[in-house]
Amino acid sequence: ARFRVAVALSARLIGLAMAEMLAGTHLSGGMVSMRLITWVQLALATPVCTWAAWPFYVRAVNSVRSGHLNMFTLIGLGVSVAYGFSIAAVLAPSMFPPSFRDASGSVAVYFEAAAVIVTLILLGQVLELRARSQTGSAIRKLLGLAPASARRLHDDGSEEDVPLESVQVGDRLRVRPGEK
C-alpha cells in the first residue's frame, strides 16, 4: 500500500514540478501562481514523506541510537532535510536570504526529490521481497526432490533400501535411472 500511494503521488509531483521544463511553458507566469504550485506540491509530498517514509525514519533513528549508521540513516536524513527545507520555503519564504531566490523571487522546493527517493527505496524493497519469495519457493522445491530412502550396496553385492538418515560417509549407494 505504501508503495502504490507513493508511486501515485510522486508521479503527479514529478509532472507538476517538471511541467515547466518539459512543456516549455511558464506555469507560474500563466493561469497558476508559483505559490499555488508549491502548496499543491506540499500537499502531494506530505503523505509520501511522512506516512510512506515512516519505516525509514524509524530505522534511521534506531541506527543512530545503536551507533551503527547505515543506508536508512542516510535516507531518513536526506528525505527529512529536503522535505523540511521545502516546508520552510513554502511557509516562511521571507526567512531565506536573496541568494536562495530565483529570478521570480521564489525559493526552490525539493518535494519531488524527497518523494522520489522514498518511492525508489520502496520499489527496491518490493523487488527484494519478491526475489526472496521466489528464492524461498525454489529452495522448498529442491527440498521436495530429496528422497526418503537410499539403496545401500553391501560388500557381497546385495542391495538394501534404508532410510536416508542411516546413510553414513563411506557407504556405497546405487541410484537407478529415474530415481531420486
Protein backbone atom coordinates (compact mmCIF):
# COMPACT_ATOMS: atom_id res chain seq x y z
CA ALA A 1 0.00 0.00 0.00
CA ARG A 2 2.81 2.42 0.87
CA PHE A 3 4.50 1.80 -2.46
CA ARG A 4 1.33 2.28 -4.51
CA VAL A 5 0.42 5.52 -2.76
CA ALA A 6 3.98 6.77 -3.11
CA VAL A 7 4.03 5.98 -6.86
CA ALA A 8 0.68 7.68 -7.49
CA LEU A 9 1.59 10.85 -5.62
CA SER A 10 5.24 11.01 -6.75
CA ALA A 11 4.26 10.70 -10.41
CA ARG A 12 1.94 13.68 -10.04
CA LEU A 13 4.62 15.58 -8.14
CA ILE A 14 7.19 14.98 -10.86
CA GLY A 15 4.71 16.03 -13.52
CA LEU A 16 3.88 19.22 -11.66
CA ALA A 17 7.47 20.06 -10.74
CA MET A 18 8.81 19.40 -14.21
CA ALA A 19 5.89 20.68 -16.30
CA GLU A 20 7.59 23.98 -16.97
CA MET A 21 10.74 22.32 -18.30
CA LEU A 22 9.01 19.55 -20.22
CA ALA A 23 6.33 21.64 -21.90
CA GLY A 24 8.45 24.72 -22.33
CA THR A 25 5.68 26.78 -20.77
CA HIS A 26 5.74 29.03 -17.76
CA LEU A 27 3.10 27.80 -15.36
CA SER A 28 3.99 30.49 -12.87
CA GLY A 29 3.51 33.24 -15.43
CA GLY A 30 0.23 31.89 -16.72
CA MET A 31 -3.00 30.84 -15.08
CA VAL A 32 -1.43 29.28 -11.97
CA SER A 33 0.74 31.14 -9.49
CA MET A 34 4.04 29.64 -8.37
CA ARG A 35 2.85 29.95 -4.76
CA LEU A 36 -0.17 27.76 -5.51
CA ILE A 37 2.03 25.20 -7.28
CA THR A 38 4.30 24.89 -4.23
CA TRP A 39 1.27 24.42 -1.95
CA VAL A 40 -0.02 21.64 -4.21
CA GLN A 41 3.44 20.06 -4.16
CA LEU A 42 3.40 20.24 -0.36
CA ALA A 43 0.01 18.50 -0.29
CA LEU A 44 1.18 15.76 -2.66
CA ALA A 45 4.53 15.19 -0.93
CA THR A 46 3.27 15.11 2.66
CA PRO A 47 1.75 11.59 2.61
CA VAL A 48 4.83 10.22 0.83
CA CYS A 49 7.41 11.94 3.04
CA THR A 50 5.57 11.16 6.28
CA TRP A 51 3.38 8.04 6.12
CA ALA A 52 5.14 6.13 3.31
CA ALA A 53 8.60 7.03 4.65
CA TRP A 54 7.77 6.34 8.30
CA PRO A 55 9.50 2.91 8.44
CA PHE A 56 12.68 4.54 7.10
CA TYR A 57 12.60 7.19 9.82
CA VAL A 58 12.14 4.53 12.50
CA ARG A 59 15.08 2.55 11.16
CA ALA A 60 17.18 5.73 10.85
CA VAL A 61 16.53 6.69 14.47
CA ASN A 62 17.30 3.13 15.61
CA SER A 63 20.58 3.17 13.68
CA VAL A 64 21.62 6.46 15.28
CA ARG A 65 20.69 5.18 18.74
CA SER A 66 22.71 1.99 18.27
CA GLY A 67 25.64 3.84 16.71
CA HIS A 68 25.51 1.62 13.64
CA LEU A 69 24.81 4.08 10.86
CA ASN A 70 23.50 2.53 7.67
CA MET A 71 21.59 3.22 4.47
CA PHE A 72 18.42 4.10 6.39
CA THR A 73 20.30 6.77 8.33
CA LEU A 74 21.17 8.43 5.03
CA ILE A 75 17.66 8.01 3.61
CA GLY A 76 15.99 9.39 6.73
CA LEU A 77 18.36 12.35 6.88
CA GLY A 78 18.14 13.15 3.17
CA VAL A 79 14.38 12.92 2.90
CA SER A 80 13.71 14.83 6.12
CA VAL A 81 16.11 17.64 5.20
CA ALA A 82 14.73 18.03 1.65
CA TYR A 83 11.14 17.89 2.89
CA GLY A 84 11.80 20.17 5.89
CA PHE A 85 13.66 22.76 3.79
CA SER A 86 10.81 22.74 1.28
CA ILE A 87 8.20 23.22 4.00
CA ALA A 88 10.16 26.19 5.31
CA ALA A 89 10.36 27.61 1.77
CA VAL A 90 6.57 27.37 1.42
CA LEU A 91 5.56 28.53 4.88
CA ALA A 92 8.20 31.19 5.52
CA PRO A 93 9.93 32.18 2.27
CA SER A 94 10.94 35.55 3.71
CA MET A 95 13.39 33.90 6.13
CA PHE A 96 15.67 32.92 3.23
CA PRO A 97 18.36 35.32 2.01
CA PRO A 98 18.15 36.76 -1.51
CA SER A 99 20.85 34.35 -2.73
CA PHE A 100 18.35 31.47 -2.24
CA ARG A 101 15.78 33.05 -4.55
CA ASP A 102 15.34 32.65 -8.28
CA ALA A 103 14.62 35.41 -10.78
CA SER A 104 10.93 35.49 -9.80
CA GLY A 105 11.82 35.76 -6.10
CA SER A 106 10.73 32.21 -5.23
CA VAL A 107 12.74 29.82 -3.07
CA ALA A 108 13.28 26.42 -4.69
CA VAL A 109 11.48 23.46 -3.18
CA TYR A 110 12.57 19.83 -3.26
CA PHE A 111 9.32 17.98 -2.58
CA GLU A 112 9.61 15.86 -5.72
CA ALA A 113 13.18 14.82 -4.89
CA ALA A 114 12.21 13.72 -1.37
CA ALA A 115 9.14 11.84 -2.63
CA VAL A 116 11.02 10.13 -5.45
CA ILE A 117 13.75 8.96 -3.06
CA VAL A 118 11.12 7.37 -0.83
CA THR A 119 9.36 5.81 -3.82
CA LEU A 120 12.55 4.35 -5.28
CA ILE A 121 13.60 2.87 -1.94
CA LEU A 122 10.13 1.35 -1.55
CA LEU A 123 10.43 -0.07 -5.09
CA GLY A 124 13.75 -1.64 -4.13
CA GLN A 125 12.17 -3.24 -1.08
CA VAL A 126 9.25 -4.59 -3.13
CA LEU A 127 11.67 -6.12 -5.63
CA GLU A 128 13.81 -7.56 -2.83
CA LEU A 129 10.78 -9.17 -1.15
CA ARG A 130 9.66 -10.65 -4.48
CA ALA A 131 13.14 -12.07 -5.10
CA ARG A 132 13.30 -13.54 -1.57
CA SER A 133 9.90 -15.12 -2.05
CA GLN A 134 10.96 -16.72 -5.30
CA THR A 135 14.21 -17.94 -3.75
CA GLY A 136 12.34 -19.48 -0.83
CA SER A 137 9.95 -21.21 -3.21
CA ALA A 138 12.86 -22.61 -5.25
CA ILE A 139 14.56 -23.94 -2.10
CA ARG A 140 11.32 -25.62 -0.98
CA LYS A 141 11.02 -27.27 -4.40
CA LEU A 142 14.62 -28.50 -4.17
CA LEU A 143 13.99 -29.92 -0.71
CA GLY A 144 10.95 -31.70 -2.11
CA LEU A 145 13.22 -33.53 -4.52
CA ALA A 146 15.18 -35.15 -1.70
CA PRO A 147 14.47 -38.88 -1.49
CA ALA A 148 13.16 -40.51 1.69
CA SER A 149 15.37 -43.58 1.32
CA ALA A 150 18.58 -44.74 -0.35
CA ARG A 151 19.72 -48.06 -1.85
CA ARG A 152 22.84 -49.20 0.03
CA LEU A 153 25.22 -51.68 -1.64
CA HIS A 154 26.81 -54.34 0.57
CA ASP A 155 30.24 -55.93 0.00
CA ASP A 156 28.61 -59.21 -1.11
CA GLY A 157 26.77 -57.35 -3.92
CA SER A 158 23.37 -57.35 -2.26
CA GLU A 159 21.29 -54.17 -2.00
CA GLU A 160 19.06 -52.85 0.73
CA ASP A 161 16.71 -49.85 0.93
CA VAL A 162 17.50 -47.82 4.06
CA PRO A 163 16.13 -44.56 5.49
CA LEU A 164 18.12 -41.56 4.36
CA GLU A 165 19.07 -40.74 7.98
CA SER A 166 21.01 -44.02 8.30
CA VAL A 167 23.31 -43.33 5.32
CA GLN A 168 26.84 -42.66 6.53
CA VAL A 169 30.03 -41.36 4.97
CA GLY A 170 31.74 -44.21 3.14
CA ASP A 171 28.53 -46.10 2.26
CA ARG A 172 28.23 -47.16 -1.35
CA LEU A 173 24.89 -46.24 -2.86
CA ARG A 174 23.16 -47.12 -6.11
CA VAL A 175 20.88 -44.72 -7.93
CA ARG A 176 18.93 -46.40 -10.69
CA PRO A 177 17.67 -44.49 -13.75
CA GLY A 178 14.60 -42.41 -12.88
CA GLU A 179 15.20 -42.48 -9.12
CA LYS A 180 15.91 -39.51 -6.89
